[in-house]
């Protein structure tokens, strides 16, 4: 379970905890990787730069420690806020440094072959915003096609969790940003409850598609 948010009290962190609890109830043991809390540096280093002529290159100790955690996992779940229709820099940097040549790709049979991936992205756009459909397509192309399947994962699902903001935001037909009034009180609690429901639906759908082996 990979969390890519700088605040432990964020809706992203809450969503990760809800998803983790559901996975534990299904029989999974959770290795929680909070990238910010663990102080992961997303910047590429010379030591971790791919060597295209040597797929057996020894990368940094930090990178190899993260590689071992991925190898130990049957399922990788990333929970993150959607920034610019993509993942935050800390998550992208984790993929850049850890999902490296010779480990995640660059072999006839990828070391990550057969693993499964669930991406849970939180977005402020409302469900009726026309941008939502394109955002889903962009994330699926980047995350499932460009990363998970390229690295040999047998299954990848992108769960886009819209309506994450307390002030609903959408674009009108002319492209103007419309920001609604802040949601509070019982209405906000109902919004949280619906958000949790949609999160668990994504997790349950993912588990149904790839049940835990006996």
C-alpha atoms as a PDB file:
ATOM      1  CA  UNK A   1       0.000   0.000   0.000  1.00  0.00           C
ATOM      2  CA  UNK A   2       1.798   3.098  -1.280  1.00  0.00           C
ATOM      3  CA  UNK A   3       0.611   6.521  -0.066  1.00  0.00           C
ATOM      4  CA  UNK A   4       1.730   9.601  -1.974  1.00  0.00           C
ATOM      5  CA  UNK A   5       0.595  12.569   0.121  1.00  0.00           C
ATOM      6  CA  UNK A   6       2.477  14.930   2.418  1.00  0.00           C
ATOM      7  CA  UNK A   7      -0.248  15.049   5.107  1.00  0.00           C
ATOM      8  CA  UNK A   8      -1.203  12.137   7.343  1.00  0.00           C
ATOM      9  CA  UNK A   9      -4.639  13.706   7.968  1.00  0.00           C
ATOM     10  CA  UNK A  10      -5.464  14.020   4.263  1.00  0.00           C
ATOM     11  CA  UNK A  11      -8.382  12.401   2.488  1.00  0.00           C
ATOM     12  CA  UNK A  12      -5.762  10.473   0.507  1.00  0.00           C
ATOM     13  CA  UNK A  13      -4.342   8.936   3.716  1.00  0.00           C
ATOM     14  CA  UNK A  14      -7.865   8.199   4.967  1.00  0.00           C
ATOM     15  CA  UNK A  15      -8.703   6.479   1.676  1.00  0.00           C
ATOM     16  CA  UNK A  16      -5.539   4.381   1.899  1.00  0.00           C
ATOM     17  CA  UNK A  17      -6.475   3.253   5.403  1.00  0.00           C
ATOM     18  CA  UNK A  18      -9.980   2.297   4.260  1.00  0.00           C
ATOM     19  CA  UNK A  19      -8.599   0.339   1.310  1.00  0.00           C
ATOM     20  CA  UNK A  20      -6.001  -1.379   3.511  1.00  0.00           C
ATOM     21  CA  UNK A  21      -8.658  -2.459   5.999  1.00  0.00           C
ATOM     22  CA  UNK A  22     -10.712  -3.975   3.197  1.00  0.00           C
ATOM     23  CA  UNK A  23      -7.696  -5.859   1.872  1.00  0.00           C
ATOM     24  CA  UNK A  24      -6.838  -7.137   5.353  1.00  0.00           C
ATOM     25  CA  UNK A  25     -10.398  -8.384   5.737  1.00  0.00           C
ATOM     26  CA  UNK A  26      -9.907 -10.285   2.465  1.00  0.00           C
ATOM     27  CA  UNK A  27      -6.818 -12.022   3.851  1.00  0.00           C
ATOM     28  CA  UNK A  28      -3.960  -9.781   2.706  1.00  0.00           C
ATOM     29  CA  UNK A  29      -1.091  -8.677   4.940  1.00  0.00           C
ATOM     30  CA  UNK A  30      -0.370  -4.981   4.437  1.00  0.00           C
ATOM     31  CA  UNK A  31       3.081  -3.457   3.995  1.00  0.00           C
ATOM     32  CA  UNK A  32       2.324   0.267   4.319  1.00  0.00           C
ATOM     33  CA  UNK A  33       4.707   2.521   2.408  1.00  0.00           C
ATOM     34  CA  UNK A  34       4.060   6.196   3.162  1.00  0.00           C
ATOM     35  CA  UNK A  35       6.557   7.849   0.830  1.00  0.00           C
ATOM     36  CA  UNK A  36       6.613  11.197   2.626  1.00  0.00           C
ATOM     37  CA  UNK A  37       6.643   9.737   6.144  1.00  0.00           C
ATOM     38  CA  UNK A  38       9.540   7.448   5.236  1.00  0.00           C
ATOM     39  CA  UNK A  39      11.450  10.358   3.690  1.00  0.00           C
ATOM     40  CA  UNK A  40      11.756   8.850   0.221  1.00  0.00           C
ATOM     41  CA  UNK A  41      13.721  11.134  -2.123  1.00  0.00           C
ATOM     42  CA  UNK A  42      12.051  11.048  -5.554  1.00  0.00           C
ATOM     43  CA  UNK A  43      14.970  12.722  -7.323  1.00  0.00           C
ATOM     44  CA  UNK A  44      16.985  10.524  -9.656  1.00  0.00           C
ATOM     45  CA  UNK A  45      20.611  10.008  -8.646  1.00  0.00           C
ATOM     46  CA  UNK A  46      23.663   8.942 -10.607  1.00  0.00           C
ATOM     47  CA  UNK A  47      23.731   5.734  -8.554  1.00  0.00           C
ATOM     48  CA  UNK A  48      20.174   4.882  -9.624  1.00  0.00           C
ATOM     49  CA  UNK A  49      20.421   6.040 -13.221  1.00  0.00           C
ATOM     50  CA  UNK A  50      19.702   3.092 -15.543  1.00  0.00           C
ATOM     51  CA  UNK A  51      22.646   1.509 -17.310  1.00  0.00           C
ATOM     52  CA  UNK A  52      21.210   0.248 -20.577  1.00  0.00           C
ATOM     53  CA  UNK A  53      24.249  -1.965 -21.122  1.00  0.00           C
ATOM     54  CA  UNK A  54      23.996  -3.696 -17.750  1.00  0.00           C
ATOM     55  CA  UNK A  55      20.652  -5.008 -16.571  1.00  0.00           C
ATOM     56  CA  UNK A  56      22.403  -6.470 -13.519  1.00  0.00           C
ATOM     57  CA  UNK A  57      23.579  -3.073 -12.288  1.00  0.00           C
ATOM     58  CA  UNK A  58      23.605  -2.704  -8.509  1.00  0.00           C
ATOM     59  CA  UNK A  59      21.549   0.355  -7.610  1.00  0.00           C
ATOM     60  CA  UNK A  60      21.528   2.245  -4.292  1.00  0.00           C
ATOM     61  CA  UNK A  61      20.736   0.456  -1.041  1.00  0.00           C
ATOM     62  CA  UNK A  62      17.547   2.516  -0.656  1.00  0.00           C
ATOM     63  CA  UNK A  63      16.328   1.512  -4.096  1.00  0.00           C
ATOM     64  CA  UNK A  64      17.118  -2.175  -3.517  1.00  0.00           C
ATOM     65  CA  UNK A  65      15.223  -2.089  -0.207  1.00  0.00           C
ATOM     66  CA  UNK A  66      12.142  -0.826  -2.062  1.00  0.00           C
ATOM     67  CA  UNK A  67      12.631  -3.409  -4.794  1.00  0.00           C
ATOM     68  CA  UNK A  68      12.521  -6.175  -2.186  1.00  0.00           C
ATOM     69  CA  UNK A  69       9.259  -4.810  -0.808  1.00  0.00           C
ATOM     70  CA  UNK A  70       7.708  -4.915  -4.269  1.00  0.00           C
ATOM     71  CA  UNK A  71       8.970  -8.434  -4.914  1.00  0.00           C
ATOM     72  CA  UNK A  72       7.412  -9.574  -1.632  1.00  0.00           C
ATOM     73  CA  UNK A  73       3.993  -8.228  -2.646  1.00  0.00           C
ATOM     74  CA  UNK A  74       1.276 -10.014  -4.605  1.00  0.00           C
ATOM     75  CA  UNK A  75      -0.630  -6.760  -5.058  1.00  0.00           C
ATOM     76  CA  UNK A  76       0.589  -3.153  -5.193  1.00  0.00           C
ATOM     77  CA  UNK A  77      -1.950  -0.432  -4.355  1.00  0.00           C
ATOM     78  CA  UNK A  78      -1.025   3.220  -4.926  1.00  0.00           C
ATOM     79  CA  UNK A  79      -3.229   5.941  -3.400  1.00  0.00           C
ATOM     80  CA  UNK A  80      -2.582   9.514  -4.502  1.00  0.00           C
ATOM     81  CA  UNK A  81      -4.108  12.903  -5.364  1.00  0.00           C
ATOM     82  CA  UNK A  82      -4.340  13.528  -9.088  1.00  0.00           C
ATOM     83  CA  UNK A  83      -2.007  16.374 -10.080  1.00  0.00           C
ATOM     84  CA  UNK A  84      -2.211  17.662 -13.657  1.00  0.00           C
ATOM     85  CA  UNK A  85      -3.944  14.443 -14.726  1.00  0.00           C
ATOM     86  CA  UNK A  86      -1.014  12.437 -13.399  1.00  0.00           C
ATOM     87  CA  UNK A  87       0.566  11.266 -10.139  1.00  0.00           C
ATOM     88  CA  UNK A  88       2.452  13.500  -7.650  1.00  0.00           C
ATOM     89  CA  UNK A  89       6.187  13.904  -8.097  1.00  0.00           C
ATOM     90  CA  UNK A  90       7.001  11.710  -5.096  1.00  0.00           C
ATOM     91  CA  UNK A  91       5.123   8.753  -6.622  1.00  0.00           C
ATOM     92  CA  UNK A  92       6.537   9.341 -10.098  1.00  0.00           C
ATOM     93  CA  UNK A  93      10.035   9.561  -8.597  1.00  0.00           C
ATOM     94  CA  UNK A  94       9.481   6.311  -6.690  1.00  0.00           C
ATOM     95  CA  UNK A  95       8.605   4.604  -9.953  1.00  0.00           C
ATOM     96  CA  UNK A  96      11.535   6.255 -11.764  1.00  0.00           C
ATOM     97  CA  UNK A  97      14.123   5.217  -9.160  1.00  0.00           C
ATOM     98  CA  UNK A  98      12.753   1.853  -8.003  1.00  0.00           C
ATOM     99  CA  UNK A  99      10.958   0.359 -11.009  1.00  0.00           C
ATOM    100  CA  UNK A 100      14.288   0.401 -12.744  1.00  0.00           C
ATOM    101  CA  UNK A 101      15.915  -1.220 -15.763  1.00  0.00           C
ATOM    102  CA  UNK A 102      16.749  -4.860 -15.109  1.00  0.00           C
ATOM    103  CA  UNK A 103      14.244  -4.997 -12.252  1.00  0.00           C
ATOM    104  CA  UNK A 104      10.821  -3.866 -13.485  1.00  0.00           C
ATOM    105  CA  UNK A 105      11.606  -3.966 -17.207  1.00  0.00           C
ATOM    106  CA  UNK A 106      14.408  -4.899 -19.553  1.00  0.00           C
ATOM    107  CA  UNK A 107      14.088  -8.689 -19.257  1.00  0.00           C
ATOM    108  CA  UNK A 108      12.396 -11.306 -21.422  1.00  0.00           C
ATOM    109  CA  UNK A 109      10.365 -12.344 -18.381  1.00  0.00           C
ATOM    110  CA  UNK A 110       9.808  -9.349 -16.066  1.00  0.00           C
ATOM    111  CA  UNK A 111      10.464  -9.954 -12.378  1.00  0.00           C
ATOM    112  CA  UNK A 112       7.088  -8.364 -11.629  1.00  0.00           C
ATOM    113  CA  UNK A 113       5.201 -10.683 -13.972  1.00  0.00           C
ATOM    114  CA  UNK A 114       1.911 -11.902 -12.530  1.00  0.00           C
ATOM    115  CA  UNK A 115       1.573  -9.214  -9.881  1.00  0.00           C
ATOM    116  CA  UNK A 116      -1.526  -7.027  -9.729  1.00  0.00           C
ATOM    117  CA  UNK A 117      -1.886  -3.275  -9.424  1.00  0.00           C
ATOM    118  CA  UNK A 118      -4.628  -0.987  -8.154  1.00  0.00           C
ATOM    119  CA  UNK A 119      -4.293   2.774  -8.594  1.00  0.00           C
ATOM    120  CA  UNK A 120      -6.656   4.940  -6.516  1.00  0.00           C
ATOM    121  CA  UNK A 121      -6.496   8.571  -7.643  1.00  0.00           C
ATOM    122  CA  UNK A 122      -8.382  11.326  -5.820  1.00  0.00           C
ATOM    123  CA  UNK A 123      -9.520  14.237  -7.995  1.00  0.00           C
ATOM    124  CA  UNK A 124     -11.296  17.476  -7.202  1.00  0.00           C
ATOM    125  CA  UNK A 125     -13.293  17.422 -10.432  1.00  0.00           C
ATOM    126  CA  UNK A 126     -16.980  16.625 -10.097  1.00  0.00           C
ATOM    127  CA  UNK A 127     -18.507  13.526 -11.636  1.00  0.00           C
ATOM    128  CA  UNK A 128     -20.474  15.624 -14.158  1.00  0.00           C
ATOM    129  CA  UNK A 129     -17.404  17.564 -15.315  1.00  0.00           C
ATOM    130  CA  UNK A 130     -16.589  16.754 -18.967  1.00  0.00           C
ATOM    131  CA  UNK A 131     -12.880  16.622 -18.013  1.00  0.00           C
ATOM    132  CA  UNK A 132     -13.474  13.485 -15.934  1.00  0.00           C
ATOM    133  CA  UNK A 133     -13.728  11.128 -18.910  1.00  0.00           C
ATOM    134  CA  UNK A 134     -10.503  12.386 -20.407  1.00  0.00           C
ATOM    135  CA  UNK A 135      -8.775  12.235 -17.027  1.00  0.00           C
ATOM    136  CA  UNK A 136      -9.725   8.566 -16.693  1.00  0.00           C
ATOM    137  CA  UNK A 137      -8.372   7.817 -20.168  1.00  0.00           C
ATOM    138  CA  UNK A 138      -5.111   9.672 -19.547  1.00  0.00           C
ATOM    139  CA  UNK A 139      -4.511   7.923 -16.225  1.00  0.00           C
ATOM    140  CA  UNK A 140      -5.263   4.492 -17.690  1.00  0.00           C
ATOM    141  CA  UNK A 141      -2.841   5.116 -20.556  1.00  0.00           C
ATOM    142  CA  UNK A 142      -0.096   6.357 -18.244  1.00  0.00           C
ATOM    143  CA  UNK A 143      -0.506   3.991 -15.323  1.00  0.00           C
ATOM    144  CA  UNK A 144      -1.906   0.746 -16.676  1.00  0.00           C
ATOM    145  CA  UNK A 145      -0.529   0.703 -20.209  1.00  0.00           C
ATOM    146  CA  UNK A 146       2.622   2.770 -19.732  1.00  0.00           C
ATOM    147  CA  UNK A 147       3.742   1.362 -16.379  1.00  0.00           C
ATOM    148  CA  UNK A 148       1.955  -1.712 -14.982  1.00  0.00           C
ATOM    149  CA  UNK A 149       1.475  -3.741 -18.156  1.00  0.00           C
ATOM    150  CA  UNK A 150       4.850  -2.632 -19.526  1.00  0.00           C
ATOM    151  CA  UNK A 151       6.406  -4.089 -16.354  1.00  0.00           C
ATOM    152  CA  UNK A 152       4.594  -7.412 -16.673  1.00  0.00           C
ATOM    153  CA  UNK A 153       1.723  -6.970 -14.222  1.00  0.00           C
ATOM    154  CA  UNK A 154      -1.107  -9.355 -15.046  1.00  0.00           C
ATOM    155  CA  UNK A 155      -3.839  -6.920 -14.003  1.00  0.00           C
ATOM    156  CA  UNK A 156      -4.072  -3.173 -13.470  1.00  0.00           C
ATOM    157  CA  UNK A 157      -7.090  -1.090 -12.474  1.00  0.00           C
ATOM    158  CA  UNK A 158      -7.315   2.688 -12.243  1.00  0.00           C
ATOM    159  CA  UNK A 159      -9.968   3.828  -9.794  1.00  0.00           C
ATOM    160  CA  UNK A 160     -10.656   7.539 -10.269  1.00  0.00           C
ATOM    161  CA  UNK A 161     -12.314   8.962  -7.148  1.00  0.00           C
ATOM    162  CA  UNK A 162     -13.973  12.219  -8.172  1.00  0.00           C
ATOM    163  CA  UNK A 163     -15.626  14.859  -5.960  1.00  0.00           C
ATOM    164  CA  UNK A 164     -12.740  14.879  -3.486  1.00  0.00           C
ATOM    165  CA  UNK A 165     -12.854  18.627  -2.759  1.00  0.00           C
ATOM    166  CA  UNK A 166     -15.059  20.291  -0.147  1.00  0.00           C
ATOM    167  CA  UNK A 167     -15.679  23.075  -2.679  1.00  0.00           C
ATOM    168  CA  UNK A 168     -17.000  21.402  -5.858  1.00  0.00           C
ATOM    169  CA  UNK A 169     -15.142  22.467  -8.992  1.00  0.00           C
ATOM    170  CA  UNK A 170     -15.985  22.023 -12.653  1.00  0.00           C
ATOM    171  CA  UNK A 171     -15.406  23.628 -16.038  1.00  0.00           C
ATOM    172  CA  UNK A 172     -18.297  25.127 -17.954  1.00  0.00           C
ATOM    173  CA  UNK A 173     -18.775  24.807 -21.718  1.00  0.00           C
ATOM    174  CA  UNK A 174     -16.499  27.836 -22.288  1.00  0.00           C
ATOM    175  CA  UNK A 175     -13.725  26.414 -20.150  1.00  0.00           C
ATOM    176  CA  UNK A 176     -14.309  28.664 -17.155  1.00  0.00           C
ATOM    177  CA  UNK A 177     -13.596  27.203 -13.720  1.00  0.00           C
ATOM    178  CA  UNK A 178     -16.688  27.182 -11.534  1.00  0.00           C
ATOM    179  CA  UNK A 179     -16.070  26.798  -7.792  1.00  0.00           C
ATOM    180  CA  UNK A 180     -19.087  26.045  -5.621  1.00  0.00           C
ATOM    181  CA  UNK A 181     -19.745  26.801  -1.976  1.00  0.00           C
ATOM    182  CA  UNK A 182     -17.924  24.768   0.666  1.00  0.00           C
ATOM    183  CA  UNK A 183     -19.722  21.635   1.812  1.00  0.00           C
ATOM    184  CA  UNK A 184     -20.017  21.318   5.597  1.00  0.00           C
ATOM    185  CA  UNK A 185     -21.864  19.564   8.386  1.00  0.00           C
ATOM    186  CA  UNK A 186     -24.170  16.689   7.537  1.00  0.00           C
ATOM    187  CA  UNK A 187     -23.698  17.292   3.833  1.00  0.00           C
ATOM    188  CA  UNK A 188     -19.937  16.926   4.192  1.00  0.00           C
ATOM    189  CA  UNK A 189     -20.347  13.753   6.256  1.00  0.00           C
ATOM    190  CA  UNK A 190     -22.592  12.339   3.535  1.00  0.00           C
ATOM    191  CA  UNK A 191     -19.937  13.238   0.958  1.00  0.00           C
ATOM    192  CA  UNK A 192     -17.298  11.380   2.985  1.00  0.00           C
ATOM    193  CA  UNK A 193     -19.577   8.355   3.329  1.00  0.00           C
ATOM    194  CA  UNK A 194     -20.181   8.266  -0.410  1.00  0.00           C
ATOM    195  CA  UNK A 195     -16.445   8.634  -1.022  1.00  0.00           C
ATOM    196  CA  UNK A 196     -15.734   5.650   1.245  1.00  0.00           C
ATOM    197  CA  UNK A 197     -18.422   3.636  -0.523  1.00  0.00           C
ATOM    198  CA  UNK A 198     -16.880   4.297  -3.934  1.00  0.00           C
ATOM    199  CA  UNK A 199     -13.412   3.473  -2.619  1.00  0.00           C
ATOM    200  CA  UNK A 200     -14.558   0.101  -1.329  1.00  0.00           C
ATOM    201  CA  UNK A 201     -16.398  -0.597  -4.583  1.00  0.00           C
ATOM    202  CA  UNK A 202     -13.121  -0.173  -6.463  1.00  0.00           C
ATOM    203  CA  UNK A 203     -11.298  -2.450  -4.008  1.00  0.00           C
ATOM    204  CA  UNK A 204     -14.053  -5.084  -4.094  1.00  0.00           C
ATOM    205  CA  UNK A 205     -14.175  -4.991  -7.893  1.00  0.00           C
ATOM    206  CA  UNK A 206     -10.418  -5.387  -8.037  1.00  0.00           C
ATOM    207  CA  UNK A 207     -10.521  -8.360  -5.647  1.00  0.00           C
ATOM    208  CA  UNK A 208     -13.346  -9.979  -7.594  1.00  0.00           C
ATOM    209  CA  UNK A 209     -11.342  -9.753 -10.790  1.00  0.00           C
ATOM    210  CA  UNK A 210      -8.234 -11.202  -9.139  1.00  0.00           C
ATOM    211  CA  UNK A 211      -9.193 -13.257  -6.061  1.00  0.00           C
ATOM    212  CA  UNK A 212      -6.567 -14.143  -3.490  1.00  0.00           C
ATOM    213  CA  UNK A 213      -5.116 -17.552  -4.262  1.00  0.00           C
ATOM    214  CA  UNK A 214      -5.894 -20.270  -1.696  1.00  0.00           C
END
